[in-house]
Amino acid sequence: MSLSHVALKKFLQAFEREGLVVVRKLDRLREVINNLRFEGKVFAGKNIKEIEIIVGFLKARYAQHVKIDDHVVFPFVERHIPRLEPVLNFLRAERKEFKATLEAFEALYARLKNRRDDAEYYKMVEKLTDKIIYLVGFIRNHIQMEKEGVYKIIEQELRVREKQTLSGRIEALKNRLSKRKALSGK
């Protein structure tokens, strides 16, 4: 097994681990929103802060994942396994829906922070609960589709040389993103 093939395997394993981390964060976000509902306004500040941290984490991970897929993985797969193009287009469409849903969640969340009365507060918490339940199911499905519909096929169908090329491109982009992150101080 070549070094690049091992690197691709590590990337695929990292993708699986990343998916588990994202799902756990979404599950935690659902718990925190439930806390908003059942603990009430007394603990709202603590819960709101945790929501901000989790959403920030999810947005950062999502942005990096999209860059790797859009700049490296998807174009490579479209060239080497063209029959997957409909799956890739579906995943891209899902991303737009995810982004829109996350933005709607953030808008509701911002309104919650500036709540005026109890009735408004609890209505917004209910709407947030609905959005996060949808997001958790949506992201679980999206991750599964990427894992089974794209990454598994990459592993099975690409030749060793193609896997080496893909792995090298992924690593190069990850290094550029890490350098940018280090330079920006984030």
C-alpha atoms as a PDB file:
ATOM      1  CA  MET A   1       0.000   0.000   0.000  1.00  0.00           C
ATOM      2  CA  SER A   2       1.502   3.348  -1.055  1.00  0.00           C
ATOM      3  CA  LEU A   3       1.994   6.302   1.221  1.00  0.00           C
ATOM      4  CA  SER A   4      -0.656   8.358  -0.619  1.00  0.00           C
ATOM      5  CA  HIS A   5      -3.108   5.468  -0.464  1.00  0.00           C
ATOM      6  CA  VAL A   6      -2.569   5.365   3.289  1.00  0.00           C
ATOM      7  CA  ALA A   7      -3.105   9.140   3.385  1.00  0.00           C
ATOM      8  CA  LEU A   8      -6.401   8.740   1.504  1.00  0.00           C
ATOM      9  CA  LYS A   9      -7.493   6.021   3.943  1.00  0.00           C
ATOM     10  CA  LYS A  10      -6.614   8.368   6.817  1.00  0.00           C
ATOM     11  CA  PHE A  11      -8.637  11.139   5.171  1.00  0.00           C
ATOM     12  CA  LEU A  12     -11.640   8.818   4.827  1.00  0.00           C
ATOM     13  CA  GLN A  13     -11.302   7.753   8.462  1.00  0.00           C
ATOM     14  CA  ALA A  14     -10.978  11.398   9.487  1.00  0.00           C
ATOM     15  CA  PHE A  15     -14.148  12.160   7.520  1.00  0.00           C
ATOM     16  CA  GLU A  16     -15.990   9.468   9.468  1.00  0.00           C
ATOM     17  CA  ARG A  17     -14.691  10.806  12.790  1.00  0.00           C
ATOM     18  CA  GLU A  18     -15.579  14.342  11.749  1.00  0.00           C
ATOM     19  CA  GLY A  19     -19.106  13.215  10.932  1.00  0.00           C
ATOM     20  CA  LEU A  20     -19.459  11.705  14.387  1.00  0.00           C
ATOM     21  CA  VAL A  21     -18.192  14.907  16.020  1.00  0.00           C
ATOM     22  CA  VAL A  22     -20.634  17.029  14.006  1.00  0.00           C
ATOM     23  CA  VAL A  23     -23.569  14.782  14.890  1.00  0.00           C
ATOM     24  CA  ARG A  24     -22.588  14.882  18.586  1.00  0.00           C
ATOM     25  CA  LYS A  25     -22.416  18.689  18.434  1.00  0.00           C
ATOM     26  CA  LEU A  26     -25.842  18.811  16.790  1.00  0.00           C
ATOM     27  CA  ASP A  27     -27.217  16.466  19.443  1.00  0.00           C
ATOM     28  CA  ARG A  28     -25.724  18.712  22.121  1.00  0.00           C
ATOM     29  CA  LEU A  29     -27.267  21.736  20.434  1.00  0.00           C
ATOM     30  CA  ARG A  30     -30.645  20.010  20.613  1.00  0.00           C
ATOM     31  CA  GLU A  31     -30.089  19.339  24.334  1.00  0.00           C
ATOM     32  CA  VAL A  32     -29.168  22.969  24.988  1.00  0.00           C
ATOM     33  CA  ILE A  33     -32.277  24.160  23.186  1.00  0.00           C
ATOM     34  CA  ASN A  34     -34.347  21.770  25.288  1.00  0.00           C
ATOM     35  CA  ASN A  35     -32.644  23.296  28.327  1.00  0.00           C
ATOM     36  CA  LEU A  36     -33.840  26.708  27.156  1.00  0.00           C
ATOM     37  CA  ARG A  37     -37.353  25.367  27.141  1.00  0.00           C
ATOM     38  CA  PHE A  38     -37.300  23.502  30.455  1.00  0.00           C
ATOM     39  CA  GLU A  39     -34.814  25.477  32.528  1.00  0.00           C
ATOM     40  CA  GLY A  40     -36.408  28.750  31.558  1.00  0.00           C
ATOM     41  CA  LYS A  41     -34.973  32.218  31.507  1.00  0.00           C
ATOM     42  CA  VAL A  42     -32.949  31.733  34.682  1.00  0.00           C
ATOM     43  CA  PHE A  43     -30.306  29.715  32.832  1.00  0.00           C
ATOM     44  CA  ALA A  44     -30.892  31.319  29.432  1.00  0.00           C
ATOM     45  CA  GLY A  45     -27.573  33.189  29.455  1.00  0.00           C
ATOM     46  CA  LYS A  46     -25.553  30.003  29.969  1.00  0.00           C
ATOM     47  CA  ASN A  47     -27.503  28.141  27.312  1.00  0.00           C
ATOM     48  CA  ILE A  48     -27.321  31.003  24.817  1.00  0.00           C
ATOM     49  CA  LYS A  49     -23.547  31.167  25.219  1.00  0.00           C
ATOM     50  CA  GLU A  50     -23.252  27.425  24.597  1.00  0.00           C
ATOM     51  CA  ILE A  51     -25.443  27.742  21.492  1.00  0.00           C
ATOM     52  CA  GLU A  52     -23.079  30.424  20.159  1.00  0.00           C
ATOM     53  CA  ILE A  53     -20.054  28.199  20.735  1.00  0.00           C
ATOM     54  CA  ILE A  54     -21.624  25.168  19.062  1.00  0.00           C
ATOM     55  CA  VAL A  55     -22.932  27.113  16.057  1.00  0.00           C
ATOM     56  CA  GLY A  56     -19.511  28.748  15.611  1.00  0.00           C
ATOM     57  CA  PHE A  57     -17.874  25.323  15.699  1.00  0.00           C
ATOM     58  CA  LEU A  58     -20.348  23.879  13.182  1.00  0.00           C
ATOM     59  CA  LYS A  59     -19.949  26.798  10.790  1.00  0.00           C
ATOM     60  CA  ALA A  60     -16.137  26.558  10.877  1.00  0.00           C
ATOM     61  CA  ARG A  61     -16.143  22.788  10.289  1.00  0.00           C
ATOM     62  CA  TYR A  62     -18.766  23.114   7.585  1.00  0.00           C
ATOM     63  CA  ALA A  63     -16.758  25.795   5.761  1.00  0.00           C
ATOM     64  CA  GLN A  64     -13.609  23.662   5.737  1.00  0.00           C
ATOM     65  CA  HIS A  65     -15.487  20.552   4.624  1.00  0.00           C
ATOM     66  CA  VAL A  66     -17.178  22.435   1.769  1.00  0.00           C
ATOM     67  CA  LYS A  67     -13.842  23.828   0.564  1.00  0.00           C
ATOM     68  CA  ILE A  68     -12.258  20.388   0.461  1.00  0.00           C
ATOM     69  CA  ASP A  69     -15.233  18.889  -1.355  1.00  0.00           C
ATOM     70  CA  ASP A  70     -15.810  21.775  -3.775  1.00  0.00           C
ATOM     71  CA  HIS A  71     -12.177  22.485  -4.618  1.00  0.00           C
ATOM     72  CA  VAL A  72     -10.759  18.961  -4.624  1.00  0.00           C
ATOM     73  CA  VAL A  73     -12.974  15.929  -4.055  1.00  0.00           C
ATOM     74  CA  PHE A  74     -16.061  16.703  -6.151  1.00  0.00           C
ATOM     75  CA  PRO A  75     -14.227  17.995  -9.261  1.00  0.00           C
ATOM     76  CA  PHE A  76     -11.870  15.018  -9.091  1.00  0.00           C
ATOM     77  CA  VAL A  77     -14.737  12.548  -8.765  1.00  0.00           C
ATOM     78  CA  GLU A  78     -16.651  14.207 -11.610  1.00  0.00           C
ATOM     79  CA  ARG A  79     -13.651  13.652 -13.897  1.00  0.00           C
ATOM     80  CA  HIS A  80     -12.837  10.115 -12.776  1.00  0.00           C
ATOM     81  CA  ILE A  81     -16.250   8.672 -11.853  1.00  0.00           C
ATOM     82  CA  PRO A  82     -18.690  10.683 -13.991  1.00  0.00           C
ATOM     83  CA  ARG A  83     -21.678   8.514 -13.079  1.00  0.00           C
ATOM     84  CA  LEU A  84     -21.563  10.080  -9.585  1.00  0.00           C
ATOM     85  CA  GLU A  85     -22.322  13.561 -10.934  1.00  0.00           C
ATOM     86  CA  PRO A  86     -26.055  13.357 -10.031  1.00  0.00           C
ATOM     87  CA  VAL A  87     -25.138  12.371  -6.455  1.00  0.00           C
ATOM     88  CA  LEU A  88     -22.669  15.260  -6.233  1.00  0.00           C
ATOM     89  CA  ASN A  89     -25.268  17.698  -7.566  1.00  0.00           C
ATOM     90  CA  PHE A  90     -27.749  16.426  -4.987  1.00  0.00           C
ATOM     91  CA  LEU A  91     -25.174  16.906  -2.197  1.00  0.00           C
ATOM     92  CA  ARG A  92     -24.485  20.449  -3.426  1.00  0.00           C
ATOM     93  CA  ALA A  93     -28.220  21.217  -3.375  1.00  0.00           C
ATOM     94  CA  GLU A  94     -28.463  19.814   0.144  1.00  0.00           C
ATOM     95  CA  ARG A  95     -25.669  22.122   1.225  1.00  0.00           C
ATOM     96  CA  LYS A  96     -27.626  25.128   0.031  1.00  0.00           C
ATOM     97  CA  GLU A  97     -30.608  23.942   2.030  1.00  0.00           C
ATOM     98  CA  PHE A  98     -28.412  23.328   5.081  1.00  0.00           C
ATOM     99  CA  LYS A  99     -26.918  26.805   4.808  1.00  0.00           C
ATOM    100  CA  ALA A 100     -30.362  28.402   4.483  1.00  0.00           C
ATOM    101  CA  THR A 101     -31.711  26.424   7.432  1.00  0.00           C
ATOM    102  CA  LEU A 102     -28.693  27.310   9.565  1.00  0.00           C
ATOM    103  CA  GLU A 103     -29.131  30.991   8.666  1.00  0.00           C
ATOM    104  CA  ALA A 104     -32.817  30.801   9.629  1.00  0.00           C
ATOM    105  CA  PHE A 105     -31.787  29.132  12.885  1.00  0.00           C
ATOM    106  CA  GLU A 106     -29.278  31.931  13.565  1.00  0.00           C
ATOM    107  CA  ALA A 107     -31.868  34.619  12.816  1.00  0.00           C
ATOM    108  CA  LEU A 108     -34.308  33.032  15.268  1.00  0.00           C
ATOM    109  CA  TYR A 109     -31.535  32.660  17.778  1.00  0.00           C
ATOM    110  CA  ALA A 110     -30.601  36.358  17.430  1.00  0.00           C
ATOM    111  CA  ARG A 111     -34.225  37.302  18.056  1.00  0.00           C
ATOM    112  CA  LEU A 112     -34.280  35.037  21.104  1.00  0.00           C
ATOM    113  CA  LYS A 113     -31.322  36.901  22.575  1.00  0.00           C
ATOM    114  CA  ASN A 114     -33.311  40.148  22.263  1.00  0.00           C
ATOM    115  CA  ARG A 115     -36.590  38.706  23.524  1.00  0.00           C
ATOM    116  CA  ARG A 116     -39.115  41.010  25.069  1.00  0.00           C
ATOM    117  CA  ASP A 117     -41.692  38.851  26.769  1.00  0.00           C
ATOM    118  CA  ASP A 118     -42.251  35.291  27.910  1.00  0.00           C
ATOM    119  CA  ALA A 119     -44.744  34.397  25.166  1.00  0.00           C
ATOM    120  CA  GLU A 120     -42.312  35.507  22.453  1.00  0.00           C
ATOM    121  CA  TYR A 121     -39.419  33.704  24.160  1.00  0.00           C
ATOM    122  CA  TYR A 122     -41.174  30.350  24.292  1.00  0.00           C
ATOM    123  CA  LYS A 123     -42.464  30.624  20.715  1.00  0.00           C
ATOM    124  CA  MET A 124     -38.911  31.207  19.499  1.00  0.00           C
ATOM    125  CA  VAL A 125     -37.580  28.312  21.584  1.00  0.00           C
ATOM    126  CA  GLU A 126     -40.194  26.054  19.972  1.00  0.00           C
ATOM    127  CA  LYS A 127     -39.172  27.226  16.501  1.00  0.00           C
ATOM    128  CA  LEU A 128     -35.499  26.671  17.354  1.00  0.00           C
ATOM    129  CA  THR A 129     -36.363  23.179  18.563  1.00  0.00           C
ATOM    130  CA  ASP A 130     -38.084  22.408  15.265  1.00  0.00           C
ATOM    131  CA  LYS A 131     -35.127  23.734  13.248  1.00  0.00           C
ATOM    132  CA  ILE A 132     -32.542  21.748  15.175  1.00  0.00           C
ATOM    133  CA  ILE A 133     -34.538  18.509  14.973  1.00  0.00           C
ATOM    134  CA  TYR A 134     -34.673  19.012  11.213  1.00  0.00           C
ATOM    135  CA  LEU A 135     -30.944  19.866  11.022  1.00  0.00           C
ATOM    136  CA  VAL A 136     -29.893  16.803  13.008  1.00  0.00           C
ATOM    137  CA  GLY A 137     -31.807  14.441  10.721  1.00  0.00           C
ATOM    138  CA  PHE A 138     -30.753  16.331   7.629  1.00  0.00           C
ATOM    139  CA  ILE A 139     -27.039  16.297   8.471  1.00  0.00           C
ATOM    140  CA  ARG A 140     -27.076  12.648   9.522  1.00  0.00           C
ATOM    141  CA  ASN A 141     -28.554  11.775   6.132  1.00  0.00           C
ATOM    142  CA  HIS A 142     -26.098  14.032   4.276  1.00  0.00           C
ATOM    143  CA  ILE A 143     -23.091  12.520   6.026  1.00  0.00           C
ATOM    144  CA  GLN A 144     -24.348   9.012   5.302  1.00  0.00           C
ATOM    145  CA  MET A 145     -24.867   9.836   1.639  1.00  0.00           C
ATOM    146  CA  GLU A 146     -21.362  11.274   1.321  1.00  0.00           C
ATOM    147  CA  LYS A 147     -19.885   8.297   3.145  1.00  0.00           C
ATOM    148  CA  GLU A 148     -21.755   5.590   1.223  1.00  0.00           C
ATOM    149  CA  GLY A 149     -22.386   7.385  -2.061  1.00  0.00           C
ATOM    150  CA  VAL A 150     -19.087   9.163  -2.654  1.00  0.00           C
ATOM    151  CA  TYR A 151     -16.258   8.210  -0.332  1.00  0.00           C
ATOM    152  CA  LYS A 152     -16.951   4.480  -0.390  1.00  0.00           C
ATOM    153  CA  ILE A 153     -17.004   4.524  -4.178  1.00  0.00           C
ATOM    154  CA  ILE A 154     -13.770   6.538  -4.246  1.00  0.00           C
ATOM    155  CA  GLU A 155     -12.168   3.841  -2.125  1.00  0.00           C
ATOM    156  CA  GLN A 156     -13.531   1.025  -4.287  1.00  0.00           C
ATOM    157  CA  GLU A 157     -13.184   2.370  -7.809  1.00  0.00           C
ATOM    158  CA  LEU A 158     -10.250   4.727  -8.101  1.00  0.00           C
ATOM    159  CA  ARG A 159      -6.927   3.289  -9.188  1.00  0.00           C
ATOM    160  CA  VAL A 160      -3.945   3.564  -6.859  1.00  0.00           C
ATOM    161  CA  ARG A 161      -2.426   6.436  -8.879  1.00  0.00           C
ATOM    162  CA  GLU A 162      -5.754   8.312  -8.814  1.00  0.00           C
ATOM    163  CA  LYS A 163      -6.038   7.813  -5.056  1.00  0.00           C
ATOM    164  CA  GLN A 164      -2.501   9.159  -4.689  1.00  0.00           C
ATOM    165  CA  THR A 165      -3.355  12.235  -6.734  1.00  0.00           C
ATOM    166  CA  LEU A 166      -6.575  12.874  -4.847  1.00  0.00           C
ATOM    167  CA  SER A 167      -4.889  12.381  -1.504  1.00  0.00           C
ATOM    168  CA  GLY A 168      -2.091  14.772  -2.438  1.00  0.00           C
ATOM    169  CA  ARG A 169      -4.570  17.450  -3.494  1.00  0.00           C
ATOM    170  CA  ILE A 170      -6.585  17.062  -0.300  1.00  0.00           C
ATOM    171  CA  GLU A 171      -3.453  17.347   1.838  1.00  0.00           C
ATOM    172  CA  ALA A 172      -2.245  20.405  -0.114  1.00  0.00           C
ATOM    173  CA  LEU A 173      -5.564  22.188   0.406  1.00  0.00           C
ATOM    174  CA  LYS A 174      -5.707  21.241   4.084  1.00  0.00           C
ATOM    175  CA  ASN A 175      -2.189  22.644   4.526  1.00  0.00           C
ATOM    176  CA  ARG A 176      -3.155  25.913   2.793  1.00  0.00           C
ATOM    177  CA  LEU A 177      -6.258  26.204   4.972  1.00  0.00           C
ATOM    178  CA  SER A 178      -4.206  25.520   8.123  1.00  0.00           C
ATOM    179  CA  LYS A 179      -1.672  28.184   7.151  1.00  0.00           C
ATOM    180  CA  ARG A 180      -4.424  30.705   6.504  1.00  0.00           C
ATOM    181  CA  LYS A 181      -5.994  29.901   9.839  1.00  0.00           C
ATOM    182  CA  ALA A 182      -2.648  30.299  11.608  1.00  0.00           C
ATOM    183  CA  LEU A 183      -1.963  33.626   9.856  1.00  0.00           C
ATOM    184  CA  SER A 184      -5.405  34.979  10.721  1.00  0.00           C
ATOM    185  CA  GLY A 185      -4.931  33.969  14.371  1.00  0.00           C
ATOM    186  CA  LYS A 186      -8.156  31.958  14.564  1.00  0.00           C
END
